[in-house]
Amino acid sequence: MSSVCQVTGRKPGYGKRVSHSHKRTSRRWDPNIQSRRYWLPSEGRWIRLRVSAKGIKTIDKRGIEAVVAQLRAEGVRV
C-alpha cells in the first residue's frame, strides 16, 4: 500500500545514506502514516482515512466535515 497522506498529500522523501567511509546508498524517509477512523455526523457513519501526523493535526484544526468536503471536491472517493 502506498505511503501517501490522503489529506496533505505527503509522500516519501528520497536521498542518500552516507556511511563512515562516505559510500552512498539510496534510502527513503517515509511519512508517519496512520490509519484512522473518523465519525461523519452529517452521514451518520464512520470513514477510514490514511493520514500523516500532520494530516491528523489538520483534521483537528479544521474539522472532519471541512476536510471531507475538500477531498470530495478534489475527486477523492470517501
PDB file of N, CA and C in Angstrom:
ATOM      1  N   MET A   1       0.847  -1.175   0.000  1.00  0.00           N
ATOM      2  CA  MET A   1       0.000   0.000   0.000  1.00  0.00           C
ATOM      3  C   MET A   1       0.892   1.239   0.000  1.00  0.00           C
ATOM      4  N   SER A   2       0.492   2.248  -0.746  1.00  0.00           N
ATOM      5  CA  SER A   2       1.331   3.430  -0.868  1.00  0.00           C
ATOM      6  C   SER A   2       1.337   4.225   0.432  1.00  0.00           C
ATOM      7  N   SER A   3       2.445   4.887   0.684  1.00  0.00           N
ATOM      8  CA  SER A   3       2.549   5.695   1.901  1.00  0.00           C
ATOM      9  C   SER A   3       2.369   7.163   1.534  1.00  0.00           C
ATOM     10  N   VAL A   4       1.118   7.516   1.199  1.00  0.00           N
ATOM     11  CA  VAL A   4       0.758   8.887   0.849  1.00  0.00           C
ATOM     12  C   VAL A   4      -0.405   9.304   1.737  1.00  0.00           C
ATOM     13  N   CYS A   5      -0.308  10.492   2.316  1.00  0.00           N
ATOM     14  CA  CYS A   5      -1.370  11.015   3.168  1.00  0.00           C
ATOM     15  C   CYS A   5      -2.529  11.477   2.292  1.00  0.00           C
ATOM     16  N   GLN A   6      -3.762  11.087   2.643  1.00  0.00           N
ATOM     17  CA  GLN A   6      -4.930  11.469   1.862  1.00  0.00           C
ATOM     18  C   GLN A   6      -5.299  12.925   2.069  1.00  0.00           C
ATOM     19  N   VAL A   7      -4.893  13.530   3.173  1.00  0.00           N
ATOM     20  CA  VAL A   7      -5.265  14.912   3.467  1.00  0.00           C
ATOM     21  C   VAL A   7      -4.216  15.891   2.955  1.00  0.00           C
ATOM     22  N   THR A   8      -2.958  15.687   3.322  1.00  0.00           N
ATOM     23  CA  THR A   8      -1.908  16.643   2.970  1.00  0.00           C
ATOM     24  C   THR A   8      -1.149  16.263   1.708  1.00  0.00           C
ATOM     25  N   GLY A   9      -1.226  14.996   1.295  1.00  0.00           N
ATOM     26  CA  GLY A   9      -0.504  14.557   0.108  1.00  0.00           C
ATOM     27  C   GLY A   9       0.971  14.297   0.341  1.00  0.00           C
ATOM     28  N   ARG A  10       1.369  14.184   1.592  1.00  0.00           N
ATOM     29  CA  ARG A  10       2.781  13.934   1.887  1.00  0.00           C
ATOM     30  C   ARG A  10       3.201  12.558   1.372  1.00  0.00           C
ATOM     31  N   LYS A  11       4.390  12.516   0.744  1.00  0.00           N
ATOM     32  CA  LYS A  11       4.934  11.291   0.160  1.00  0.00           C
ATOM     33  C   LYS A  11       6.323  11.041   0.743  1.00  0.00           C
ATOM     34  N   PRO A  12       6.886   9.868   0.482  1.00  0.00           N
ATOM     35  CA  PRO A  12       8.241   9.612   0.962  1.00  0.00           C
ATOM     36  C   PRO A  12       9.251  10.551   0.305  1.00  0.00           C
ATOM     37  N   GLY A  13      10.282  10.917   1.083  1.00  0.00           N
ATOM     38  CA  GLY A  13      11.396  11.691   0.553  1.00  0.00           C
ATOM     39  C   GLY A  13      12.534  10.734   0.230  1.00  0.00           C
ATOM     40  N   TYR A  14      13.277  11.032  -0.824  1.00  0.00           N
ATOM     41  CA  TYR A  14      14.361  10.157  -1.256  1.00  0.00           C
ATOM     42  C   TYR A  14      15.693  10.888  -1.124  1.00  0.00           C
ATOM     43  N   GLY A  15      16.729  10.118  -0.834  1.00  0.00           N
ATOM     44  CA  GLY A  15      18.060  10.702  -0.696  1.00  0.00           C
ATOM     45  C   GLY A  15      19.099   9.610  -0.602  1.00  0.00           C
ATOM     46  N   LYS A  16      20.231   9.951  -0.041  1.00  0.00           N
ATOM     47  CA  LYS A  16      21.352   9.011   0.074  1.00  0.00           C
ATOM     48  C   LYS A  16      21.724   8.824   1.536  1.00  0.00           C
ATOM     49  N   ARG A  17      22.030   7.574   1.872  1.00  0.00           N
ATOM     50  CA  ARG A  17      22.604   7.263   3.176  1.00  0.00           C
ATOM     51  C   ARG A  17      24.116   7.319   2.982  1.00  0.00           C
ATOM     52  N   VAL A  18      24.815   8.022   3.852  1.00  0.00           N
ATOM     53  CA  VAL A  18      26.258   8.187   3.701  1.00  0.00           C
ATOM     54  C   VAL A  18      26.945   7.486   4.874  1.00  0.00           C
ATOM     55  N   SER A  19      27.760   6.482   4.569  1.00  0.00           N
ATOM     56  CA  SER A  19      28.442   5.714   5.612  1.00  0.00           C
ATOM     57  C   SER A  19      29.688   6.458   6.096  1.00  0.00           C
ATOM     58  N   HIS A  20      30.362   5.856   7.065  1.00  0.00           N
ATOM     59  CA  HIS A  20      31.578   6.458   7.603  1.00  0.00           C
ATOM     60  C   HIS A  20      32.654   6.583   6.519  1.00  0.00           C
ATOM     61  N   SER A  21      32.694   5.607   5.604  1.00  0.00           N
ATOM     62  CA  SER A  21      33.678   5.652   4.516  1.00  0.00           C
ATOM     63  C   SER A  21      33.200   6.553   3.372  1.00  0.00           C
ATOM     64  N   HIS A  22      32.068   7.180   3.553  1.00  0.00           N
ATOM     65  CA  HIS A  22      31.457   8.104   2.593  1.00  0.00           C
ATOM     66  C   HIS A  22      30.896   7.393   1.364  1.00  0.00           C
ATOM     67  N   LYS A  23      30.603   6.094   1.510  1.00  0.00           N
ATOM     68  CA  LYS A  23      29.941   5.347   0.440  1.00  0.00           C
ATOM     69  C   LYS A  23      28.456   5.694   0.487  1.00  0.00           C
ATOM     70  N   ARG A  24      27.875   6.012  -0.657  1.00  0.00           N
ATOM     71  CA  ARG A  24      26.488   6.470  -0.701  1.00  0.00           C
ATOM     72  C   ARG A  24      25.565   5.381  -1.241  1.00  0.00           C
ATOM     73  N   THR A  25      24.472   5.137  -0.526  1.00  0.00           N
ATOM     74  CA  THR A  25      23.444   4.200  -0.967  1.00  0.00           C
ATOM     75  C   THR A  25      22.087   4.890  -0.823  1.00  0.00           C
ATOM     76  N   SER A  26      21.141   4.455  -1.619  1.00  0.00           N
ATOM     77  CA  SER A  26      19.832   5.097  -1.624  1.00  0.00           C
ATOM     78  C   SER A  26      19.025   4.733  -0.379  1.00  0.00           C
ATOM     79  N   ARG A  27      18.217   5.666   0.060  1.00  0.00           N
ATOM     80  CA  ARG A  27      17.311   5.437   1.169  1.00  0.00           C
ATOM     81  C   ARG A  27      16.081   6.300   0.973  1.00  0.00           C
ATOM     82  N   ARG A  28      15.075   6.092   1.821  1.00  0.00           N
ATOM     83  CA  ARG A  28      13.892   6.946   1.758  1.00  0.00           C
ATOM     84  C   ARG A  28      13.358   7.226   3.142  1.00  0.00           C
ATOM     85  N   TRP A  29      12.799   8.420   3.296  1.00  0.00           N
ATOM     86  CA  TRP A  29      12.179   8.850   4.535  1.00  0.00           C
ATOM     87  C   TRP A  29      10.678   8.723   4.358  1.00  0.00           C
ATOM     88  N   ASP A  30      10.071   7.790   5.077  1.00  0.00           N
ATOM     89  CA  ASP A  30       8.631   7.593   4.963  1.00  0.00           C
ATOM     90  C   ASP A  30       7.895   8.546   5.900  1.00  0.00           C
ATOM     91  N   PRO A  31       6.755   9.087   5.443  1.00  0.00           N
ATOM     92  CA  PRO A  31       5.949   9.911   6.347  1.00  0.00           C
ATOM     93  C   PRO A  31       5.291   9.034   7.407  1.00  0.00           C
ATOM     94  N   ASN A  32       4.890   9.647   8.507  1.00  0.00           N
ATOM     95  CA  ASN A  32       4.267   8.926   9.625  1.00  0.00           C
ATOM     96  C   ASN A  32       2.785   8.719   9.293  1.00  0.00           C
ATOM     97  N   ILE A  33       2.489   7.672   8.523  1.00  0.00           N
ATOM     98  CA  ILE A  33       1.122   7.400   8.063  1.00  0.00           C
ATOM     99  C   ILE A  33       0.393   6.535   9.082  1.00  0.00           C
ATOM    100  N   GLN A  34      -0.811   6.974   9.454  1.00  0.00           N
ATOM    101  CA  GLN A  34      -1.667   6.242  10.381  1.00  0.00           C
ATOM    102  C   GLN A  34      -2.997   5.958   9.700  1.00  0.00           C
ATOM    103  N   SER A  35      -3.595   4.832   9.995  1.00  0.00           N
ATOM    104  CA  SER A  35      -4.939   4.529   9.516  1.00  0.00           C
ATOM    105  C   SER A  35      -5.905   4.893  10.633  1.00  0.00           C
ATOM    106  N   ARG A  36      -6.756   5.902  10.390  1.00  0.00           N
ATOM    107  CA  ARG A  36      -7.645   6.421  11.427  1.00  0.00           C
ATOM    108  C   ARG A  36      -9.091   6.352  10.982  1.00  0.00           C
ATOM    109  N   ARG A  37      -9.996   6.087  11.937  1.00  0.00           N
ATOM    110  CA  ARG A  37     -11.437   6.131  11.682  1.00  0.00           C
ATOM    111  C   ARG A  37     -11.975   7.441  12.216  1.00  0.00           C
ATOM    112  N   TYR A  38     -12.816   8.079  11.418  1.00  0.00           N
ATOM    113  CA  TYR A  38     -13.443   9.331  11.838  1.00  0.00           C
ATOM    114  C   TYR A  38     -14.952   9.197  11.684  1.00  0.00           C
ATOM    115  N   TRP A  39     -15.694   9.752  12.636  1.00  0.00           N
ATOM    116  CA  TRP A  39     -17.154   9.733  12.598  1.00  0.00           C
ATOM    117  C   TRP A  39     -17.639  10.953  11.821  1.00  0.00           C
ATOM    118  N   LEU A  40     -18.443  10.707  10.774  1.00  0.00           N
ATOM    119  CA  LEU A  40     -19.056  11.793  10.000  1.00  0.00           C
ATOM    120  C   LEU A  40     -20.481  11.983  10.510  1.00  0.00           C
ATOM    121  N   PRO A  41     -20.738  13.006  11.321  1.00  0.00           N
ATOM    122  CA  PRO A  41     -22.086  13.190  11.875  1.00  0.00           C
ATOM    123  C   PRO A  41     -23.139  13.461  10.804  1.00  0.00           C
ATOM    124  N   SER A  42     -22.767  14.161   9.730  1.00  0.00           N
ATOM    125  CA  SER A  42     -23.752  14.506   8.701  1.00  0.00           C
ATOM    126  C   SER A  42     -24.273  13.274   7.973  1.00  0.00           C
ATOM    127  N   GLU A  43     -23.437  12.226   7.857  1.00  0.00           N
ATOM    128  CA  GLU A  43     -23.844  10.999   7.165  1.00  0.00           C
ATOM    129  C   GLU A  43     -24.151   9.866   8.126  1.00  0.00           C
ATOM    130  N   GLY A  44     -23.812  10.055   9.402  1.00  0.00           N
ATOM    131  CA  GLY A  44     -24.076   9.028  10.399  1.00  0.00           C
ATOM    132  C   GLY A  44     -23.293   7.752  10.177  1.00  0.00           C
ATOM    133  N   ARG A  45     -22.035   7.889   9.756  1.00  0.00           N
ATOM    134  CA  ARG A  45     -21.211   6.704   9.505  1.00  0.00           C
ATOM    135  C   ARG A  45     -19.744   7.013   9.772  1.00  0.00           C
ATOM    136  N   TRP A  46     -18.963   5.943   9.896  1.00  0.00           N
ATOM    137  CA  TRP A  46     -17.526   6.050  10.080  1.00  0.00           C
ATOM    138  C   TRP A  46     -16.851   6.045   8.714  1.00  0.00           C
ATOM    139  N   ILE A  47     -15.747   6.781   8.583  1.00  0.00           N
ATOM    140  CA  ILE A  47     -14.905   6.688   7.393  1.00  0.00           C
ATOM    141  C   ILE A  47     -13.487   6.378   7.855  1.00  0.00           C
ATOM    142  N   ARG A  48     -12.744   5.699   7.006  1.00  0.00           N
ATOM    143  CA  ARG A  48     -11.372   5.341   7.337  1.00  0.00           C
ATOM    144  C   ARG A  48     -10.445   6.103   6.393  1.00  0.00           C
ATOM    145  N   LEU A  49      -9.491   6.822   6.974  1.00  0.00           N
ATOM    146  CA  LEU A  49      -8.533   7.599   6.191  1.00  0.00           C
ATOM    147  C   LEU A  49      -7.115   7.177   6.547  1.00  0.00           C
ATOM    148  N   ARG A  50      -6.231   7.235   5.547  1.00  0.00           N
ATOM    149  CA  ARG A  50      -4.797   7.035   5.773  1.00  0.00           C
ATOM    150  C   ARG A  50      -4.173   8.420   5.804  1.00  0.00           C
ATOM    151  N   VAL A  51      -3.836   8.878   7.009  1.00  0.00           N
ATOM    152  CA  VAL A  51      -3.356  10.242   7.178  1.00  0.00           C
ATOM    153  C   VAL A  51      -2.015  10.265   7.904  1.00  0.00           C
ATOM    154  N   SER A  52      -1.236  11.299   7.622  1.00  0.00           N
ATOM    155  CA  SER A  52       0.019  11.504   8.333  1.00  0.00           C
ATOM    156  C   SER A  52      -0.269  12.195   9.654  1.00  0.00           C
ATOM    157  N   ALA A  53       0.750  12.316  10.484  1.00  0.00           N
ATOM    158  CA  ALA A  53       0.589  13.007  11.765  1.00  0.00           C
ATOM    159  C   ALA A  53       0.178  14.457  11.522  1.00  0.00           C
ATOM    160  N   LYS A  54       0.726  15.084  10.488  1.00  0.00           N
ATOM    161  CA  LYS A  54       0.350  16.452  10.126  1.00  0.00           C
ATOM    162  C   LYS A  54      -1.108  16.489   9.658  1.00  0.00           C
ATOM    163  N   GLY A  55      -1.549  15.450   8.945  1.00  0.00           N
ATOM    164  CA  GLY A  55      -2.938  15.386   8.498  1.00  0.00           C
ATOM    165  C   GLY A  55      -3.909  15.271   9.659  1.00  0.00           C
ATOM    166  N   ILE A  56      -3.521  14.544  10.708  1.00  0.00           N
ATOM    167  CA  ILE A  56      -4.357  14.418  11.906  1.00  0.00           C
ATOM    168  C   ILE A  56      -4.518  15.783  12.570  1.00  0.00           C
ATOM    169  N   LYS A  57      -3.411  16.540  12.635  1.00  0.00           N
ATOM    170  CA  LYS A  57      -3.474  17.883  13.214  1.00  0.00           C
ATOM    171  C   LYS A  57      -4.353  18.796  12.361  1.00  0.00           C
ATOM    172  N   THR A  58      -4.292  18.649  11.048  1.00  0.00           N
ATOM    173  CA  THR A  58      -5.124  19.454  10.148  1.00  0.00           C
ATOM    174  C   THR A  58      -6.599  19.153  10.378  1.00  0.00           C
ATOM    175  N   ILE A  59      -6.942  17.874  10.534  1.00  0.00           N
ATOM    176  CA  ILE A  59      -8.332  17.481  10.793  1.00  0.00           C
ATOM    177  C   ILE A  59      -8.791  18.022  12.138  1.00  0.00           C
ATOM    178  N   ASP A  60      -7.923  17.976  13.145  1.00  0.00           N
ATOM    179  CA  ASP A  60      -8.271  18.519  14.460  1.00  0.00           C
ATOM    180  C   ASP A  60      -8.536  20.021  14.384  1.00  0.00           C
ATOM    181  N   LYS A  61      -7.784  20.726  13.545  1.00  0.00           N
ATOM    182  CA  LYS A  61      -7.911  22.176  13.457  1.00  0.00           C
ATOM    183  C   LYS A  61      -9.130  22.597  12.628  1.00  0.00           C
ATOM    184  N   ARG A  62      -9.293  21.997  11.438  1.00  0.00           N
ATOM    185  CA  ARG A  62     -10.342  22.431  10.513  1.00  0.00           C
ATOM    186  C   ARG A  62     -11.650  21.691  10.682  1.00  0.00           C
ATOM    187  N   GLY A  63     -11.612  20.483  11.232  1.00  0.00           N
ATOM    188  CA  GLY A  63     -12.808  19.671  11.396  1.00  0.00           C
ATOM    189  C   GLY A  63     -12.925  18.649  10.279  1.00  0.00           C
ATOM    190  N   ILE A  64     -13.486  17.490  10.603  1.00  0.00           N
ATOM    191  CA  ILE A  64     -13.575  16.388   9.650  1.00  0.00           C
ATOM    192  C   ILE A  64     -14.522  16.714   8.501  1.00  0.00           C
ATOM    193  N   GLU A  65     -15.588  17.452   8.783  1.00  0.00           N
ATOM    194  CA  GLU A  65     -16.560  17.790   7.724  1.00  0.00           C
ATOM    195  C   GLU A  65     -15.909  18.641   6.642  1.00  0.00           C
ATOM    196  N   ALA A  66     -15.124  19.648   7.035  1.00  0.00           N
ATOM    197  CA  ALA A  66     -14.465  20.529   6.072  1.00  0.00           C
ATOM    198  C   ALA A  66     -13.418  19.776   5.265  1.00  0.00           C
ATOM    199  N   VAL A  67     -12.684  18.886   5.926  1.00  0.00           N
ATOM    200  CA  VAL A  67     -11.635  18.122   5.234  1.00  0.00           C
ATOM    201  C   VAL A  67     -12.257  17.157   4.232  1.00  0.00           C
ATOM    202  N   VAL A  68     -13.347  16.484   4.616  1.00  0.00           N
ATOM    203  CA  VAL A  68     -14.017  15.552   3.709  1.00  0.00           C
ATOM    204  C   VAL A  68     -14.617  16.307   2.525  1.00  0.00           C
ATOM    205  N   ALA A  69     -15.159  17.497   2.765  1.00  0.00           N
ATOM    206  CA  ALA A  69     -15.705  18.300   1.673  1.00  0.00           C
ATOM    207  C   ALA A  69     -14.613  18.676   0.681  1.00  0.00           C
ATOM    208  N   GLN A  70     -13.420  19.011   1.178  1.00  0.00           N
ATOM    209  CA  GLN A  70     -12.306  19.344   0.299  1.00  0.00           C
ATOM    210  C   GLN A  70     -11.840  18.118  -0.493  1.00  0.00           C
ATOM    211  N   LEU A  71     -11.776  16.957   0.175  1.00  0.00           N
ATOM    212  CA  LEU A  71     -11.366  15.730  -0.515  1.00  0.00           C
ATOM    213  C   LEU A  71     -12.332  15.388  -1.637  1.00  0.00           C
ATOM    214  N   ARG A  72     -13.619  15.534  -1.380  1.00  0.00           N
ATOM    215  CA  ARG A  72     -14.622  15.241  -2.422  1.00  0.00           C
ATOM    216  C   ARG A  72     -14.539  16.225  -3.565  1.00  0.00           C
ATOM    217  N   ALA A  73     -14.219  17.480  -3.278  1.00  0.00           N
ATOM    218  CA  ALA A  73     -14.061  18.481  -4.339  1.00  0.00           C
ATOM    219  C   ALA A  73     -12.866  18.140  -5.232  1.00  0.00           C
ATOM    220  N   GLU A  74     -11.853  17.480  -4.643  1.00  0.00           N
ATOM    221  CA  GLU A  74     -10.682  17.059  -5.416  1.00  0.00           C
ATOM    222  C   GLU A  74     -10.924  15.760  -6.174  1.00  0.00           C
ATOM    223  N   GLY A  75     -12.066  15.127  -5.935  1.00  0.00           N
ATOM    224  CA  GLY A  75     -12.408  13.907  -6.649  1.00  0.00           C
ATOM    225  C   GLY A  75     -12.035  12.619  -5.945  1.00  0.00           C
ATOM    226  N   VAL A  76     -11.687  12.701  -4.667  1.00  0.00           N
ATOM    227  CA  VAL A  76     -11.326  11.501  -3.893  1.00  0.00           C
ATOM    228  C   VAL A  76     -12.607  10.859  -3.369  1.00  0.00           C
ATOM    229  N   ARG A  77     -12.721   9.546  -3.540  1.00  0.00           N
ATOM    230  CA  ARG A  77     -13.891   8.816  -3.047  1.00  0.00           C
ATOM    231  C   ARG A  77     -13.713   8.525  -1.573  1.00  0.00           C
ATOM    232  N   VAL A  78     -14.641   9.012  -0.741  1.00  0.00           N
ATOM    233  CA  VAL A  78     -14.553   8.813   0.719  1.00  0.00           C
ATOM    234  C   VAL A  78     -15.764   8.037   1.180  1.00  0.00           C
TER     235      VAL A  78
END
